C-alpha atoms as a PDB file:
ATOM      1  CA  MET A   1      -7.453  -2.764  20.203  1.00  0.00           C
ATOM      2  CA  ALA A   2      -5.714  -0.678  17.568  1.00  0.00           C
ATOM      3  CA  LEU A   3      -7.555   2.139  15.883  1.00  0.00           C
ATOM      4  CA  GLY A   4      -7.220   2.518  12.120  1.00  0.00           C
ATOM      5  CA  LYS A   5      -6.015   5.972  11.195  1.00  0.00           C
ATOM      6  CA  VAL A   6      -8.231   7.568   8.593  1.00  0.00           C
ATOM      7  CA  LYS A   7      -6.839  11.087   8.328  1.00  0.00           C
ATOM      8  CA  GLU A   8      -4.075  13.100   9.965  1.00  0.00           C
ATOM      9  CA  THR A   9      -3.488  16.852   9.895  1.00  0.00           C
ATOM     10  CA  THR A  10      -0.384  18.487  11.346  1.00  0.00           C
ATOM     11  CA  MET A  11      -0.042  22.202  11.891  1.00  0.00           C
ATOM     12  CA  SER A  12       3.404  23.569  12.679  1.00  0.00           C
ATOM     13  CA  ASP A  13       4.780  26.944  13.667  1.00  0.00           C
ATOM     14  CA  SER A  14       8.556  26.763  14.306  1.00  0.00           C
ATOM     15  CA  ASN A  15       9.026  24.165  17.090  1.00  0.00           C
ATOM     16  CA  GLN A  16       5.335  23.906  17.946  1.00  0.00           C
ATOM     17  CA  ASP A  17       3.043  21.305  16.485  1.00  0.00           C
ATOM     18  CA  PHE A  18      -0.553  20.254  16.717  1.00  0.00           C
ATOM     19  CA  ARG A  19      -1.800  16.970  15.257  1.00  0.00           C
ATOM     20  CA  ILE A  20      -5.382  16.059  14.533  1.00  0.00           C
ATOM     21  CA  GLU A  21      -6.192  12.466  13.626  1.00  0.00           C
ATOM     22  CA  TRP A  22      -9.395  10.651  12.733  1.00  0.00           C
ATOM     23  CA  HIS A  23      -9.613   7.066  13.975  1.00  0.00           C
ATOM     24  CA  SER A  24     -12.785   5.249  12.893  1.00  0.00           C
ATOM     25  CA  GLY A  25     -15.114   8.170  13.619  1.00  0.00           C
ATOM     26  CA  THR A  26     -13.205   9.435  16.655  1.00  0.00           C
ATOM     27  CA  LEU A  27     -11.289  12.692  16.465  1.00  0.00           C
ATOM     28  CA  VAL A  28      -7.984  12.637  18.361  1.00  0.00           C
ATOM     29  CA  VAL A  29      -6.380  16.018  19.082  1.00  0.00           C
ATOM     30  CA  ILE A  30      -2.669  15.803  19.986  1.00  0.00           C
ATOM     31  CA  PRO A  31      -1.039  19.096  20.916  1.00  0.00           C
ATOM     32  CA  GLY A  32       2.723  19.376  21.188  1.00  0.00           C
ATOM     33  CA  GLY A  33       4.322  19.898  24.572  1.00  0.00           C
ATOM     34  CA  ASP A  34       4.662  23.638  24.015  1.00  0.00           C
ATOM     35  CA  ILE A  35       0.914  24.308  23.666  1.00  0.00           C
ATOM     36  CA  GLU A  36       0.923  27.224  26.135  1.00  0.00           C
ATOM     37  CA  SER A  37       3.296  29.305  24.015  1.00  0.00           C
ATOM     38  CA  MET A  38       1.479  28.477  20.784  1.00  0.00           C
ATOM     39  CA  LYS A  39       0.144  31.530  18.990  1.00  0.00           C
ATOM     40  CA  TRP A  40      -3.586  32.267  19.145  1.00  0.00           C
ATOM     41  CA  ASP A  41      -3.976  32.119  15.358  1.00  0.00           C
ATOM     42  CA  LEU A  42      -2.564  28.576  15.264  1.00  0.00           C
ATOM     43  CA  ILE A  43      -5.017  27.502  17.982  1.00  0.00           C
ATOM     44  CA  GLU A  44      -7.827  29.133  15.985  1.00  0.00           C
ATOM     45  CA  GLN A  45      -6.760  27.220  12.852  1.00  0.00           C
ATOM     46  CA  ALA A  46      -6.876  24.012  14.867  1.00  0.00           C
ATOM     47  CA  ALA A  47     -10.301  24.937  16.247  1.00  0.00           C
ATOM     48  CA  GLU A  48     -11.682  25.453  12.746  1.00  0.00           C
ATOM     49  CA  ILE A  49     -10.309  22.113  11.565  1.00  0.00           C
ATOM     50  CA  VAL A  50     -11.583  20.306  14.671  1.00  0.00           C
ATOM     51  CA  MET A  51     -15.037  21.884  14.778  1.00  0.00           C
ATOM     52  CA  ALA A  52     -15.943  21.651  11.074  1.00  0.00           C
ATOM     53  CA  PRO A  53     -16.565  17.885  10.804  1.00  0.00           C
ATOM     54  CA  LEU A  54     -18.073  17.478  14.286  1.00  0.00           C
ATOM     55  CA  GLY A  55     -21.470  18.729  13.133  1.00  0.00           C
ATOM     56  CA  GLU A  56     -21.436  16.279  10.223  1.00  0.00           C
ATOM     57  CA  THR A  57     -20.897  13.232  12.455  1.00  0.00           C
ATOM     58  CA  ASP A  58     -23.921  11.466  13.982  1.00  0.00           C
ATOM     59  CA  VAL A  59     -22.276  10.876  17.377  1.00  0.00           C
ATOM     60  CA  PRO A  60     -18.995  12.753  17.344  1.00  0.00           C
ATOM     61  CA  LEU A  61     -16.305  11.562  19.720  1.00  0.00           C
ATOM     62  CA  VAL A  62     -13.284  13.690  20.626  1.00  0.00           C
ATOM     63  CA  ILE A  63     -10.212  12.637  22.565  1.00  0.00           C
ATOM     64  CA  PHE A  64      -7.527  15.081  23.652  1.00  0.00           C
ATOM     65  CA  ASP A  65      -4.196  13.283  24.058  1.00  0.00           C
ATOM     66  CA  LEU A  66      -2.357  15.465  26.554  1.00  0.00           C
ATOM     67  CA  SER A  67       0.482  13.017  27.165  1.00  0.00           C
ATOM     68  CA  GLU A  68       3.069  15.475  25.817  1.00  0.00           C
ATOM     69  CA  VAL A  69       1.627  18.497  27.632  1.00  0.00           C
ATOM     70  CA  SER A  70       2.764  19.565  31.089  1.00  0.00           C
ATOM     71  CA  TYR A  71       0.757  22.805  31.230  1.00  0.00           C
ATOM     72  CA  PHE A  72      -1.878  24.635  29.216  1.00  0.00           C
ATOM     73  CA  GLY A  73      -3.822  27.808  29.811  1.00  0.00           C
ATOM     74  CA  SER A  74      -7.125  29.400  28.952  1.00  0.00           C
ATOM     75  CA  VAL A  75      -6.611  29.508  25.168  1.00  0.00           C
ATOM     76  CA  PHE A  76      -6.345  25.737  24.858  1.00  0.00           C
ATOM     77  CA  LEU A  77      -8.977  25.212  27.542  1.00  0.00           C
ATOM     78  CA  SER A  78     -11.412  27.259  25.443  1.00  0.00           C
ATOM     79  CA  LEU A  79     -10.793  24.914  22.490  1.00  0.00           C
ATOM     80  CA  MET A  80     -11.581  21.888  24.666  1.00  0.00           C
ATOM     81  CA  LEU A  81     -14.759  23.536  25.973  1.00  0.00           C
ATOM     82  CA  ARG A  82     -15.887  24.428  22.453  1.00  0.00           C
ATOM     83  CA  CYS A  83     -15.491  20.790  21.450  1.00  0.00           C
ATOM     84  CA  HIS A  84     -17.358  19.622  24.538  1.00  0.00           C
ATOM     85  CA  LYS A  85     -20.258  21.983  23.837  1.00  0.00           C
ATOM     86  CA  ALA A  86     -20.404  20.763  20.219  1.00  0.00           C
ATOM     87  CA  VAL A  87     -20.405  17.018  20.927  1.00  0.00           C
ATOM     88  CA  LYS A  88     -22.411  16.771  24.169  1.00  0.00           C
ATOM     89  CA  PRO A  89     -25.840  17.573  22.635  1.00  0.00           C
ATOM     90  CA  LEU A  90     -25.146  14.987  19.925  1.00  0.00           C
ATOM     91  CA  GLY A  91     -24.402  12.226  22.432  1.00  0.00           C
ATOM     92  CA  GLY A  92     -20.621  12.394  22.111  1.00  0.00           C
END
């Protein structure tokens, strides 16, 4: 089943990228393979973009596509935990 892309945001800093896509009410976060060396401020920008619409969605769903990632540390893990804490009480 193919998901229809509604909106895509890409944040880049030199060779690093971070894509955020909306597919029919589901937020898909796709970090580039170099997520561990990504600067904190870029991760914070991504967090703001990810977190903002989650509270406006009845049952927010978030998928992290880590297919390009071989390793990530505590900075990215904190983003995933923030998302989990935001969507769990809403049934996501």
